[in-house]
Amino acid sequence: MAWQNPPEVGAWYMDHLGRTFEVVASDEQDETVEIQYMDGDVEELDLETWAEFRKERVEPPEDWVASMDMDPNLEGWNHLHGDPVQQALDTLERQE
């Protein structure tokens, strides 16, 4: 079955119940999509369910990192979001 509305890993959505979630993985071979809700619950959907799932694309919530208990020291964090210590130092340097 071809992906008609392919999920984008990292994209945020809101379902028909008002729950916000992020697509955290998709596998075309297994035809599955893994989503994580703001409360940390993870759900795996098959391709047919994803296609029928009532959802609307939304901007990421401001507090999404805290709500998912993510550790900014995890490998890859600095690559995606920058080094928080260096960012703070750069900000202080610009203020001087």
N, C-alpha and C. Protein backbone atom coordinates (compact mmCIF):
# COMPACT_ATOMS: atom_id res chain seq x y z
N MET A 1 0.85 -1.18 0.00
CA MET A 1 0.00 0.00 0.00
C MET A 1 0.89 1.24 0.00
N ALA A 2 0.62 2.18 -0.85
CA ALA A 2 1.42 3.41 -0.95
C ALA A 2 0.97 4.43 0.09
N TRP A 3 1.93 5.21 0.55
CA TRP A 3 1.62 6.28 1.51
C TRP A 3 0.91 7.40 0.76
N GLN A 4 -0.35 7.67 1.08
CA GLN A 4 -1.07 8.75 0.44
C GLN A 4 -0.88 10.06 1.18
N ASN A 5 -0.80 9.99 2.49
CA ASN A 5 -0.58 11.16 3.32
C ASN A 5 0.59 10.80 4.24
N PRO A 6 1.82 10.78 3.70
CA PRO A 6 2.94 10.25 4.48
C PRO A 6 3.21 11.07 5.74
N PRO A 7 3.45 10.37 6.84
CA PRO A 7 3.79 11.07 8.07
C PRO A 7 5.21 11.59 7.98
N GLU A 8 5.44 12.74 8.53
CA GLU A 8 6.78 13.32 8.55
C GLU A 8 7.32 13.22 9.96
N VAL A 9 8.40 12.47 10.13
CA VAL A 9 9.00 12.33 11.45
C VAL A 9 9.41 13.71 11.94
N GLY A 10 9.01 14.03 13.17
CA GLY A 10 9.28 15.34 13.75
C GLY A 10 8.12 16.31 13.62
N ALA A 11 7.13 15.97 12.79
CA ALA A 11 5.96 16.84 12.61
C ALA A 11 5.00 16.66 13.79
N TRP A 12 4.32 17.74 14.13
CA TRP A 12 3.35 17.75 15.23
C TRP A 12 1.94 17.84 14.68
N TYR A 13 1.01 17.17 15.35
CA TYR A 13 -0.38 17.14 14.95
C TYR A 13 -1.27 17.27 16.18
N MET A 14 -2.52 17.59 15.94
CA MET A 14 -3.54 17.55 16.99
C MET A 14 -4.64 16.64 16.47
N ASP A 15 -5.06 15.68 17.30
CA ASP A 15 -6.12 14.78 16.88
C ASP A 15 -7.50 15.37 17.16
N HIS A 16 -8.54 14.67 16.78
CA HIS A 16 -9.92 15.17 16.93
C HIS A 16 -10.35 15.32 18.38
N LEU A 17 -9.57 14.76 19.32
CA LEU A 17 -9.87 14.91 20.74
C LEU A 17 -9.07 16.04 21.38
N GLY A 18 -8.26 16.74 20.57
CA GLY A 18 -7.48 17.85 21.08
C GLY A 18 -6.14 17.45 21.67
N ARG A 19 -5.74 16.19 21.48
CA ARG A 19 -4.45 15.71 21.99
C ARG A 19 -3.36 16.03 20.97
N THR A 20 -2.27 16.60 21.47
CA THR A 20 -1.14 16.95 20.62
C THR A 20 -0.13 15.82 20.64
N PHE A 21 0.39 15.49 19.46
CA PHE A 21 1.38 14.42 19.37
C PHE A 21 2.39 14.72 18.27
N GLU A 22 3.53 14.01 18.38
CA GLU A 22 4.60 14.13 17.39
C GLU A 22 4.79 12.78 16.71
N VAL A 23 5.07 12.80 15.42
CA VAL A 23 5.43 11.58 14.72
C VAL A 23 6.91 11.32 15.06
N VAL A 24 7.18 10.20 15.72
CA VAL A 24 8.55 9.92 16.14
C VAL A 24 9.24 8.88 15.27
N ALA A 25 8.47 8.12 14.49
CA ALA A 25 9.06 7.13 13.58
C ALA A 25 8.03 6.69 12.57
N SER A 26 8.51 6.27 11.41
CA SER A 26 7.64 5.65 10.42
C SER A 26 8.45 4.60 9.68
N ASP A 27 7.79 3.54 9.29
CA ASP A 27 8.45 2.43 8.61
C ASP A 27 7.59 2.02 7.44
N GLU A 28 8.04 2.37 6.24
CA GLU A 28 7.26 2.04 5.04
C GLU A 28 7.17 0.54 4.82
N GLN A 29 8.25 -0.17 5.13
CA GLN A 29 8.26 -1.62 4.93
C GLN A 29 7.24 -2.31 5.82
N ASP A 30 7.21 -1.94 7.10
CA ASP A 30 6.24 -2.53 8.03
C ASP A 30 4.89 -1.81 7.99
N GLU A 31 4.84 -0.69 7.27
CA GLU A 31 3.64 0.13 7.16
C GLU A 31 3.11 0.54 8.53
N THR A 32 4.02 1.12 9.35
CA THR A 32 3.64 1.58 10.68
C THR A 32 4.13 3.00 10.91
N VAL A 33 3.43 3.68 11.80
CA VAL A 33 3.77 5.04 12.22
C VAL A 33 3.75 5.03 13.74
N GLU A 34 4.80 5.58 14.34
CA GLU A 34 4.85 5.66 15.80
C GLU A 34 4.70 7.13 16.19
N ILE A 35 3.76 7.38 17.11
CA ILE A 35 3.50 8.74 17.57
C ILE A 35 3.69 8.80 19.09
N GLN A 36 4.03 10.00 19.57
CA GLN A 36 4.16 10.20 21.01
C GLN A 36 3.34 11.42 21.40
N TYR A 37 2.43 11.19 22.35
CA TYR A 37 1.57 12.26 22.85
C TYR A 37 2.34 13.12 23.85
N MET A 38 1.82 14.30 24.13
CA MET A 38 2.45 15.23 25.07
C MET A 38 2.63 14.63 26.46
N ASP A 39 1.78 13.69 26.84
CA ASP A 39 1.92 13.08 28.18
C ASP A 39 2.96 11.98 28.19
N GLY A 40 3.60 11.74 27.06
CA GLY A 40 4.66 10.74 26.98
C GLY A 40 4.21 9.39 26.44
N ASP A 41 2.90 9.16 26.36
CA ASP A 41 2.41 7.88 25.83
C ASP A 41 2.81 7.73 24.36
N VAL A 42 3.24 6.52 24.01
CA VAL A 42 3.63 6.21 22.64
C VAL A 42 2.62 5.23 22.07
N GLU A 43 2.28 5.43 20.80
CA GLU A 43 1.31 4.57 20.13
C GLU A 43 1.82 4.24 18.74
N GLU A 44 1.64 3.00 18.33
CA GLU A 44 2.01 2.59 16.98
C GLU A 44 0.74 2.38 16.18
N LEU A 45 0.69 3.01 15.01
CA LEU A 45 -0.48 2.91 14.14
C LEU A 45 -0.08 2.20 12.86
N ASP A 46 -0.99 1.41 12.30
CA ASP A 46 -0.71 0.85 10.99
C ASP A 46 -1.06 1.89 9.93
N LEU A 47 -0.65 1.64 8.72
CA LEU A 47 -0.82 2.61 7.64
C LEU A 47 -2.28 2.97 7.41
N GLU A 48 -3.16 1.99 7.46
CA GLU A 48 -4.59 2.25 7.24
C GLU A 48 -5.15 3.15 8.34
N THR A 49 -4.77 2.88 9.59
CA THR A 49 -5.24 3.70 10.70
C THR A 49 -4.71 5.12 10.57
N TRP A 50 -3.43 5.28 10.20
CA TRP A 50 -2.86 6.62 10.01
C TRP A 50 -3.65 7.40 8.97
N ALA A 51 -3.97 6.73 7.85
CA ALA A 51 -4.69 7.40 6.76
C ALA A 51 -6.08 7.85 7.21
N GLU A 52 -6.73 7.09 8.09
CA GLU A 52 -8.08 7.40 8.54
C GLU A 52 -8.09 8.27 9.80
N PHE A 53 -6.95 8.39 10.46
CA PHE A 53 -6.83 9.13 11.72
C PHE A 53 -7.11 10.60 11.48
N ARG A 54 -8.09 11.15 12.20
CA ARG A 54 -8.44 12.57 12.04
C ARG A 54 -7.41 13.40 12.79
N LYS A 55 -6.66 14.19 12.03
CA LYS A 55 -5.58 14.97 12.61
C LYS A 55 -5.38 16.25 11.83
N GLU A 56 -4.76 17.21 12.49
CA GLU A 56 -4.45 18.49 11.86
C GLU A 56 -3.01 18.84 12.23
N ARG A 57 -2.23 19.22 11.25
CA ARG A 57 -0.83 19.59 11.51
C ARG A 57 -0.80 20.89 12.31
N VAL A 58 0.05 20.94 13.35
CA VAL A 58 0.18 22.11 14.21
C VAL A 58 1.65 22.41 14.45
N GLU A 59 1.91 23.60 14.99
CA GLU A 59 3.26 23.98 15.38
C GLU A 59 3.63 23.22 16.66
N PRO A 60 4.92 22.92 16.86
CA PRO A 60 5.32 22.25 18.10
C PRO A 60 4.98 23.11 19.31
N PRO A 61 4.49 22.50 20.37
CA PRO A 61 4.21 23.27 21.59
C PRO A 61 5.51 23.84 22.16
N GLU A 62 5.41 24.96 22.85
CA GLU A 62 6.61 25.59 23.42
C GLU A 62 7.28 24.71 24.45
N ASP A 63 6.50 23.95 25.21
CA ASP A 63 7.05 23.16 26.30
C ASP A 63 7.18 21.68 25.98
N TRP A 64 7.33 21.33 24.72
CA TRP A 64 7.31 19.92 24.34
C TRP A 64 8.46 19.12 24.94
N VAL A 65 9.63 19.69 25.14
CA VAL A 65 10.76 18.94 25.69
C VAL A 65 10.48 18.55 27.14
N ALA A 66 10.00 19.48 27.95
CA ALA A 66 9.74 19.19 29.36
C ALA A 66 8.65 18.15 29.52
N SER A 67 7.63 18.21 28.68
CA SER A 67 6.51 17.29 28.84
C SER A 67 6.87 15.86 28.49
N MET A 68 7.92 15.66 27.71
CA MET A 68 8.32 14.31 27.32
C MET A 68 9.52 13.82 28.11
N ASP A 69 9.89 14.54 29.17
CA ASP A 69 11.00 14.15 30.03
C ASP A 69 12.26 13.88 29.22
N MET A 70 12.55 14.72 28.27
CA MET A 70 13.75 14.56 27.46
C MET A 70 14.94 15.18 28.18
N ASP A 71 16.06 14.52 28.09
CA ASP A 71 17.29 14.99 28.70
C ASP A 71 18.09 15.72 27.63
N PRO A 72 18.36 17.01 27.82
CA PRO A 72 19.11 17.75 26.80
C PRO A 72 20.53 17.24 26.63
N ASN A 73 21.00 16.34 27.48
CA ASN A 73 22.34 15.78 27.33
C ASN A 73 22.35 14.53 26.48
N LEU A 74 21.17 14.12 25.97
CA LEU A 74 21.11 12.94 25.12
C LEU A 74 21.92 13.15 23.85
N GLU A 75 22.51 12.07 23.36
CA GLU A 75 23.26 12.14 22.12
C GLU A 75 22.34 12.65 21.01
N GLY A 76 22.81 13.57 20.22
CA GLY A 76 22.02 14.13 19.13
C GLY A 76 21.33 15.42 19.49
N TRP A 77 21.13 15.67 20.78
CA TRP A 77 20.45 16.91 21.19
C TRP A 77 21.22 18.12 20.69
N ASN A 78 22.52 18.17 20.94
CA ASN A 78 23.32 19.33 20.54
C ASN A 78 23.31 19.50 19.04
N HIS A 79 23.31 18.40 18.32
CA HIS A 79 23.28 18.49 16.86
C HIS A 79 21.98 19.14 16.37
N LEU A 80 20.86 18.77 16.98
CA LEU A 80 19.57 19.31 16.56
C LEU A 80 19.27 20.69 17.13
N HIS A 81 19.67 20.92 18.38
CA HIS A 81 19.24 22.12 19.08
C HIS A 81 20.38 23.03 19.51
N GLY A 82 21.60 22.62 19.28
CA GLY A 82 22.74 23.41 19.72
C GLY A 82 23.10 23.11 21.16
N ASP A 83 24.30 23.45 21.51
CA ASP A 83 24.80 23.23 22.87
C ASP A 83 24.22 24.30 23.78
N PRO A 84 23.38 23.93 24.76
CA PRO A 84 22.74 24.93 25.60
C PRO A 84 23.73 25.77 26.41
N VAL A 85 24.84 25.18 26.82
CA VAL A 85 25.85 25.93 27.57
C VAL A 85 26.50 26.96 26.66
N GLN A 86 26.86 26.54 25.45
CA GLN A 86 27.48 27.48 24.52
C GLN A 86 26.52 28.58 24.12
N GLN A 87 25.25 28.25 23.97
CA GLN A 87 24.25 29.27 23.63
C GLN A 87 24.15 30.30 24.73
N ALA A 88 24.18 29.86 25.99
CA ALA A 88 24.11 30.80 27.12
C ALA A 88 25.35 31.69 27.14
N LEU A 89 26.51 31.10 26.91
CA LEU A 89 27.74 31.89 26.88
C LEU A 89 27.72 32.91 25.74
N ASP A 90 27.24 32.49 24.59
CA ASP A 90 27.14 33.41 23.45
C ASP A 90 26.21 34.57 23.76
N THR A 91 25.10 34.29 24.43
CA THR A 91 24.15 35.34 24.80
C THR A 91 24.78 36.33 25.76
N LEU A 92 25.49 35.83 26.76
CA LEU A 92 26.17 36.71 27.72
C LEU A 92 27.23 37.56 27.04
N GLU A 93 27.95 36.95 26.11
CA GLU A 93 29.00 37.67 25.39
C GLU A 93 28.41 38.80 24.55
N ARG A 94 27.26 38.56 23.93
CA ARG A 94 26.63 39.59 23.10
C ARG A 94 26.12 40.75 23.96
N GLN A 95 25.78 40.48 25.23
CA GLN A 95 25.24 41.51 26.11
C GLN A 95 26.34 42.45 26.62
N GLU A 96 27.57 42.00 26.59
CA GLU A 96 28.67 42.81 27.13
C GLU A 96 29.01 43.97 26.23
